[in-house]
Amino acid sequence: MLDEMDIKILALLQADCTRPVAEIGKEVGLSTTPCWRRIQKLEEAGIIQRRVAVLEPTAVNAGVTVFVSIKTDQHSLAWLEKFHAAVVDFPEVVEFYRMSGEIDYLLRVVVPDIAAYDVFYKKLIDRIEIAKVSSAFAMEQIKYTTALPLGFAHSTTGRAGSGGSSE
C-alpha cells in the first residue's frame, strides 16, 4: 500500500528520475537512506517499472504520430498470438492496446513521414490478416505526459486506482 511519502517520491521521480536521492529526500522530509530504501521497495514491488529518458521525437526523426485502428474478424487464440507477435516486432509501434467497442486494437505508431508509415503498413499487412485498418495522422500534439495521475493511489485496499479513500 502506498502512503503519502511514497506518493510524493513517485511524483518527484515522474517529473525527473535523474534527481539525486538526497535531493528527493530533502524535498519530502526524509534523510537519504530512508528515501533510498523507499525507492528500492517501490522498484522491487514493480511500482517503478523502469527509469527512462524521454526524447524529442523530431530530433530522432520520429516526428509523425499515427493512430492506427484495427478491426479483425479473426478471434482465435492462434490469430491473437500471431498478431501480438507481429506488432511487438515493429519498433515504430510505441503503444499497443486491445480495445472494447467498435475497434479491436489501437496502435500509436511514430515514423519520420507518410512514406515511412506506408512502408510500415505494407510490412504489417504482409505479416498478418486484418479485416479493417484506419489510420489517423496527428496534426498537433496538445498534451503529452508520461506521468501517471497519483491522486488515485490513495487507497485503503492497497490497489492504486481502486477509488478508495486513504486513512
C-alpha atoms as a PDB file:
ATOM      1  CA  MET A   1       0.000   0.000   0.000  1.00  0.00           C
ATOM      2  CA  LEU A   2       1.311   3.426  -0.927  1.00  0.00           C
ATOM      3  CA  ASP A   3       1.463   6.082   1.746  1.00  0.00           C
ATOM      4  CA  GLU A   4       1.682   9.840   1.309  1.00  0.00           C
ATOM      5  CA  MET A   5       5.505   9.770   1.399  1.00  0.00           C
ATOM      6  CA  ASP A   6       5.670   7.143  -1.376  1.00  0.00           C
ATOM      7  CA  ILE A   7       3.298   9.223  -3.493  1.00  0.00           C
ATOM      8  CA  LYS A   8       5.428  12.353  -3.031  1.00  0.00           C
ATOM      9  CA  ILE A   9       8.547  10.400  -4.033  1.00  0.00           C
ATOM     10  CA  LEU A  10       6.797   8.958  -7.087  1.00  0.00           C
ATOM     11  CA  ALA A  11       5.633  12.413  -8.174  1.00  0.00           C
ATOM     12  CA  LEU A  12       9.192  13.741  -8.000  1.00  0.00           C
ATOM     13  CA  LEU A  13      10.612  10.736  -9.848  1.00  0.00           C
ATOM     14  CA  GLN A  14       7.981  11.022 -12.589  1.00  0.00           C
ATOM     15  CA  ALA A  15       8.994  14.636 -13.122  1.00  0.00           C
ATOM     16  CA  ASP A  16      12.745  13.883 -13.183  1.00  0.00           C
ATOM     17  CA  CYS A  17      14.156  10.485 -12.296  1.00  0.00           C
ATOM     18  CA  THR A  18      17.733  11.786 -12.512  1.00  0.00           C
ATOM     19  CA  ARG A  19      17.416  13.842  -9.333  1.00  0.00           C
ATOM     20  CA  PRO A  20      19.782  12.711  -6.588  1.00  0.00           C
ATOM     21  CA  VAL A  21      18.179  10.687  -3.803  1.00  0.00           C
ATOM     22  CA  ALA A  22      19.454  13.182  -1.225  1.00  0.00           C
ATOM     23  CA  GLU A  23      17.610  15.991  -3.036  1.00  0.00           C
ATOM     24  CA  ILE A  24      14.395  13.955  -3.263  1.00  0.00           C
ATOM     25  CA  GLY A  25      14.664  13.023   0.421  1.00  0.00           C
ATOM     26  CA  LYS A  26      15.175  16.638   1.444  1.00  0.00           C
ATOM     27  CA  GLU A  27      12.118  17.726  -0.536  1.00  0.00           C
ATOM     28  CA  VAL A  28       9.859  15.066   1.026  1.00  0.00           C
ATOM     29  CA  GLY A  29      11.326  15.336   4.536  1.00  0.00           C
ATOM     30  CA  LEU A  30      13.484  12.200   4.675  1.00  0.00           C
ATOM     31  CA  SER A  31      17.193  11.632   5.013  1.00  0.00           C
ATOM     32  CA  THR A  32      18.971   9.957   2.103  1.00  0.00           C
ATOM     33  CA  THR A  33      18.995   6.352   3.367  1.00  0.00           C
ATOM     34  CA  PRO A  34      15.283   6.042   4.219  1.00  0.00           C
ATOM     35  CA  CYS A  35      14.402   7.745   0.932  1.00  0.00           C
ATOM     36  CA  TRP A  36      16.669   5.353  -0.992  1.00  0.00           C
ATOM     37  CA  ARG A  37      15.090   2.371   0.820  1.00  0.00           C
ATOM     38  CA  ARG A  38      11.595   3.532  -0.160  1.00  0.00           C
ATOM     39  CA  ILE A  39      12.639   3.905  -3.794  1.00  0.00           C
ATOM     40  CA  GLN A  40      14.171   0.410  -3.702  1.00  0.00           C
ATOM     41  CA  LYS A  41      10.920  -1.031  -2.272  1.00  0.00           C
ATOM     42  CA  LEU A  42       8.884   0.739  -4.966  1.00  0.00           C
ATOM     43  CA  GLU A  43      11.146  -0.808  -7.609  1.00  0.00           C
ATOM     44  CA  GLU A  44      11.018  -4.277  -6.025  1.00  0.00           C
ATOM     45  CA  ALA A  45       7.206  -4.085  -5.868  1.00  0.00           C
ATOM     46  CA  GLY A  46       7.109  -3.245  -9.582  1.00  0.00           C
ATOM     47  CA  ILE A  47       5.511   0.160  -8.982  1.00  0.00           C
ATOM     48  CA  ILE A  48       8.565   1.788 -10.542  1.00  0.00           C
ATOM     49  CA  GLN A  49       8.954  -0.337 -13.648  1.00  0.00           C
ATOM     50  CA  ARG A  50      11.961   1.404 -15.171  1.00  0.00           C
ATOM     51  CA  ARG A  51      13.677   4.769 -15.456  1.00  0.00           C
ATOM     52  CA  VAL A  52      13.942   6.204 -18.942  1.00  0.00           C
ATOM     53  CA  ALA A  53      14.870   9.288 -20.919  1.00  0.00           C
ATOM     54  CA  VAL A  54      12.023  10.952 -22.823  1.00  0.00           C
ATOM     55  CA  LEU A  55      13.300  12.021 -26.225  1.00  0.00           C
ATOM     56  CA  GLU A  56      12.274  14.840 -28.547  1.00  0.00           C
ATOM     57  CA  PRO A  57      10.670  12.942 -31.488  1.00  0.00           C
ATOM     58  CA  THR A  58      11.754  15.350 -34.217  1.00  0.00           C
ATOM     59  CA  ALA A  59      15.368  15.214 -33.003  1.00  0.00           C
ATOM     60  CA  VAL A  60      15.423  11.456 -33.697  1.00  0.00           C
ATOM     61  CA  ASN A  61      13.419  11.711 -36.946  1.00  0.00           C
ATOM     62  CA  ALA A  62      10.234  10.218 -35.488  1.00  0.00           C
ATOM     63  CA  GLY A  63       8.042  13.324 -35.552  1.00  0.00           C
ATOM     64  CA  VAL A  64       4.928  11.913 -37.245  1.00  0.00           C
ATOM     65  CA  THR A  65       2.413  10.187 -34.958  1.00  0.00           C
ATOM     66  CA  VAL A  66      -0.179   7.881 -36.472  1.00  0.00           C
ATOM     67  CA  PHE A  67      -3.052   6.319 -34.552  1.00  0.00           C
ATOM     68  CA  VAL A  68      -3.921   3.041 -36.225  1.00  0.00           C
ATOM     69  CA  SER A  69      -7.324   1.488 -35.523  1.00  0.00           C
ATOM     70  CA  ILE A  70      -7.585  -2.204 -36.378  1.00  0.00           C
ATOM     71  CA  LYS A  71     -10.698  -4.309 -36.682  1.00  0.00           C
ATOM     72  CA  THR A  72     -10.447  -8.028 -37.197  1.00  0.00           C
ATOM     73  CA  ASP A  73     -12.859 -10.798 -37.975  1.00  0.00           C
ATOM     74  CA  GLN A  74     -10.382 -13.311 -36.533  1.00  0.00           C
ATOM     75  CA  HIS A  75     -10.931 -14.036 -32.858  1.00  0.00           C
ATOM     76  CA  SER A  76      -8.991 -17.250 -32.366  1.00  0.00           C
ATOM     77  CA  LEU A  77      -6.197 -17.528 -29.847  1.00  0.00           C
ATOM     78  CA  ALA A  78      -3.785 -18.555 -32.624  1.00  0.00           C
ATOM     79  CA  TRP A  79      -4.528 -15.371 -34.615  1.00  0.00           C
ATOM     80  CA  LEU A  80      -4.295 -13.247 -31.483  1.00  0.00           C
ATOM     81  CA  GLU A  81      -0.862 -14.636 -30.611  1.00  0.00           C
ATOM     82  CA  LYS A  82       0.363 -14.221 -34.199  1.00  0.00           C
ATOM     83  CA  PHE A  83      -0.903 -10.638 -34.304  1.00  0.00           C
ATOM     84  CA  HIS A  84       0.668  -9.728 -30.978  1.00  0.00           C
ATOM     85  CA  ALA A  85       3.991 -11.259 -32.048  1.00  0.00           C
ATOM     86  CA  ALA A  86       3.897  -9.340 -35.322  1.00  0.00           C
ATOM     87  CA  VAL A  87       3.100  -5.985 -33.751  1.00  0.00           C
ATOM     88  CA  VAL A  88       5.658  -6.122 -30.943  1.00  0.00           C
ATOM     89  CA  ASP A  89       8.389  -6.723 -33.528  1.00  0.00           C
ATOM     90  CA  PHE A  90       7.848  -3.266 -35.045  1.00  0.00           C
ATOM     91  CA  PRO A  91       9.873  -0.541 -33.290  1.00  0.00           C
ATOM     92  CA  GLU A  92       7.577   2.061 -34.880  1.00  0.00           C
ATOM     93  CA  VAL A  93       4.746   0.835 -32.624  1.00  0.00           C
ATOM     94  CA  VAL A  94       5.249   2.641 -29.329  1.00  0.00           C
ATOM     95  CA  GLU A  95       1.843   1.831 -27.805  1.00  0.00           C
ATOM     96  CA  PHE A  96      -0.438  -1.140 -28.457  1.00  0.00           C
ATOM     97  CA  TYR A  97      -3.871  -1.699 -26.898  1.00  0.00           C
ATOM     98  CA  ARG A  98      -6.665  -4.270 -27.168  1.00  0.00           C
ATOM     99  CA  MET A  99      -9.873  -2.262 -27.089  1.00  0.00           C
ATOM    100  CA  SER A 100     -13.562  -2.583 -26.329  1.00  0.00           C
ATOM    101  CA  GLY A 101     -16.126  -1.075 -28.660  1.00  0.00           C
ATOM    102  CA  GLU A 102     -16.010  -0.588 -32.422  1.00  0.00           C
ATOM    103  CA  ILE A 103     -12.323  -1.304 -32.921  1.00  0.00           C
ATOM    104  CA  ASP A 104     -10.366  -4.289 -31.701  1.00  0.00           C
ATOM    105  CA  TYR A 105      -6.870  -2.775 -31.434  1.00  0.00           C
ATOM    106  CA  LEU A 106      -5.334   0.666 -31.291  1.00  0.00           C
ATOM    107  CA  LEU A 107      -1.698   1.328 -32.097  1.00  0.00           C
ATOM    108  CA  ARG A 108       0.319   4.503 -31.746  1.00  0.00           C
ATOM    109  CA  VAL A 109       2.973   4.478 -34.418  1.00  0.00           C
ATOM    110  CA  VAL A 110       5.793   7.005 -34.800  1.00  0.00           C
ATOM    111  CA  VAL A 111       7.598   7.483 -38.117  1.00  0.00           C
ATOM    112  CA  PRO A 112       9.516  10.220 -39.941  1.00  0.00           C
ATOM    113  CA  ASP A 113       6.879  10.800 -42.639  1.00  0.00           C
ATOM    114  CA  ILE A 114       3.891   9.397 -44.542  1.00  0.00           C
ATOM    115  CA  ALA A 115       6.127   7.345 -46.841  1.00  0.00           C
ATOM    116  CA  ALA A 116       7.691   5.600 -43.829  1.00  0.00           C
ATOM    117  CA  TYR A 117       4.211   4.881 -42.485  1.00  0.00           C
ATOM    118  CA  ASP A 118       3.282   3.328 -45.840  1.00  0.00           C
ATOM    119  CA  VAL A 119       6.318   1.027 -45.592  1.00  0.00           C
ATOM    120  CA  PHE A 120       5.280   0.064 -42.037  1.00  0.00           C
ATOM    121  CA  TYR A 121       1.681  -0.558 -43.152  1.00  0.00           C
ATOM    122  CA  LYS A 122       2.752  -2.842 -46.016  1.00  0.00           C
ATOM    123  CA  LYS A 123       5.016  -4.856 -43.716  1.00  0.00           C
ATOM    124  CA  LEU A 124       2.207  -5.176 -41.160  1.00  0.00           C
ATOM    125  CA  ILE A 125      -0.414  -6.439 -43.613  1.00  0.00           C
ATOM    126  CA  ASP A 126       2.145  -8.794 -45.116  1.00  0.00           C
ATOM    127  CA  ARG A 127       2.618 -10.457 -41.714  1.00  0.00           C
ATOM    128  CA  ILE A 128      -0.988 -10.724 -40.533  1.00  0.00           C
ATOM    129  CA  GLU A 129      -4.511 -10.755 -41.992  1.00  0.00           C
ATOM    130  CA  ILE A 130      -6.529  -7.743 -40.802  1.00  0.00           C
ATOM    131  CA  ALA A 131     -10.168  -7.038 -41.724  1.00  0.00           C
ATOM    132  CA  LYS A 132     -10.020  -3.229 -41.483  1.00  0.00           C
ATOM    133  CA  VAL A 133      -7.299  -0.678 -40.819  1.00  0.00           C
ATOM    134  CA  SER A 134      -7.898   3.024 -40.303  1.00  0.00           C
ATOM    135  CA  SER A 135      -5.028   5.467 -39.885  1.00  0.00           C
ATOM    136  CA  ALA A 136      -5.312   8.933 -38.368  1.00  0.00           C
ATOM    137  CA  PHE A 137      -2.304  11.255 -38.522  1.00  0.00           C
ATOM    138  CA  ALA A 138      -1.872  13.586 -35.563  1.00  0.00           C
ATOM    139  CA  MET A 139      -1.751  17.188 -36.740  1.00  0.00           C
ATOM    140  CA  GLU A 140      -0.656  18.678 -33.414  1.00  0.00           C
ATOM    141  CA  GLN A 141       0.297  17.266 -30.049  1.00  0.00           C
ATOM    142  CA  ILE A 142      -1.595  19.296 -27.475  1.00  0.00           C
ATOM    143  CA  LYS A 143      -0.749  17.317 -24.350  1.00  0.00           C
ATOM    144  CA  TYR A 144       1.747  14.553 -23.764  1.00  0.00           C
ATOM    145  CA  THR A 145       2.984  13.214 -20.478  1.00  0.00           C
ATOM    146  CA  THR A 146       4.459  10.006 -19.180  1.00  0.00           C
ATOM    147  CA  ALA A 147       3.438  10.915 -15.623  1.00  0.00           C
ATOM    148  CA  LEU A 148       0.508   8.958 -14.237  1.00  0.00           C
ATOM    149  CA  PRO A 149      -2.024  10.772 -12.019  1.00  0.00           C
ATOM    150  CA  LEU A 150      -1.215   9.872  -8.428  1.00  0.00           C
ATOM    151  CA  GLY A 151      -4.446  11.082  -6.837  1.00  0.00           C
ATOM    152  CA  PHE A 152      -5.909   7.601  -7.339  1.00  0.00           C
ATOM    153  CA  ALA A 153      -3.046   5.970  -5.423  1.00  0.00           C
ATOM    154  CA  HIS A 154      -4.684   6.778  -2.075  1.00  0.00           C
ATOM    155  CA  SER A 155      -6.422   3.527  -1.306  1.00  0.00           C
ATOM    156  CA  THR A 156      -7.280   1.514   1.769  1.00  0.00           C
ATOM    157  CA  THR A 157      -7.194  -1.700  -0.282  1.00  0.00           C
ATOM    158  CA  GLY A 158      -3.620  -1.215  -1.451  1.00  0.00           C
ATOM    159  CA  ARG A 159      -4.730  -1.225  -5.087  1.00  0.00           C
ATOM    160  CA  ALA A 160      -3.898   2.046  -6.818  1.00  0.00           C
ATOM    161  CA  GLY A 161      -6.807   3.325  -8.836  1.00  0.00           C
ATOM    162  CA  SER A 162      -9.497   1.430  -6.922  1.00  0.00           C
ATOM    163  CA  GLY A 163     -11.190   4.669  -5.893  1.00  0.00           C
ATOM    164  CA  GLY A 164     -10.967   4.065  -2.145  1.00  0.00           C
ATOM    165  CA  SER A 165     -10.116   6.774   0.308  1.00  0.00           C
ATOM    166  CA  SER A 166      -6.919   6.973   2.307  1.00  0.00           C
ATOM    167  CA  GLU A 167      -6.810   6.718   6.046  1.00  0.00           C
END
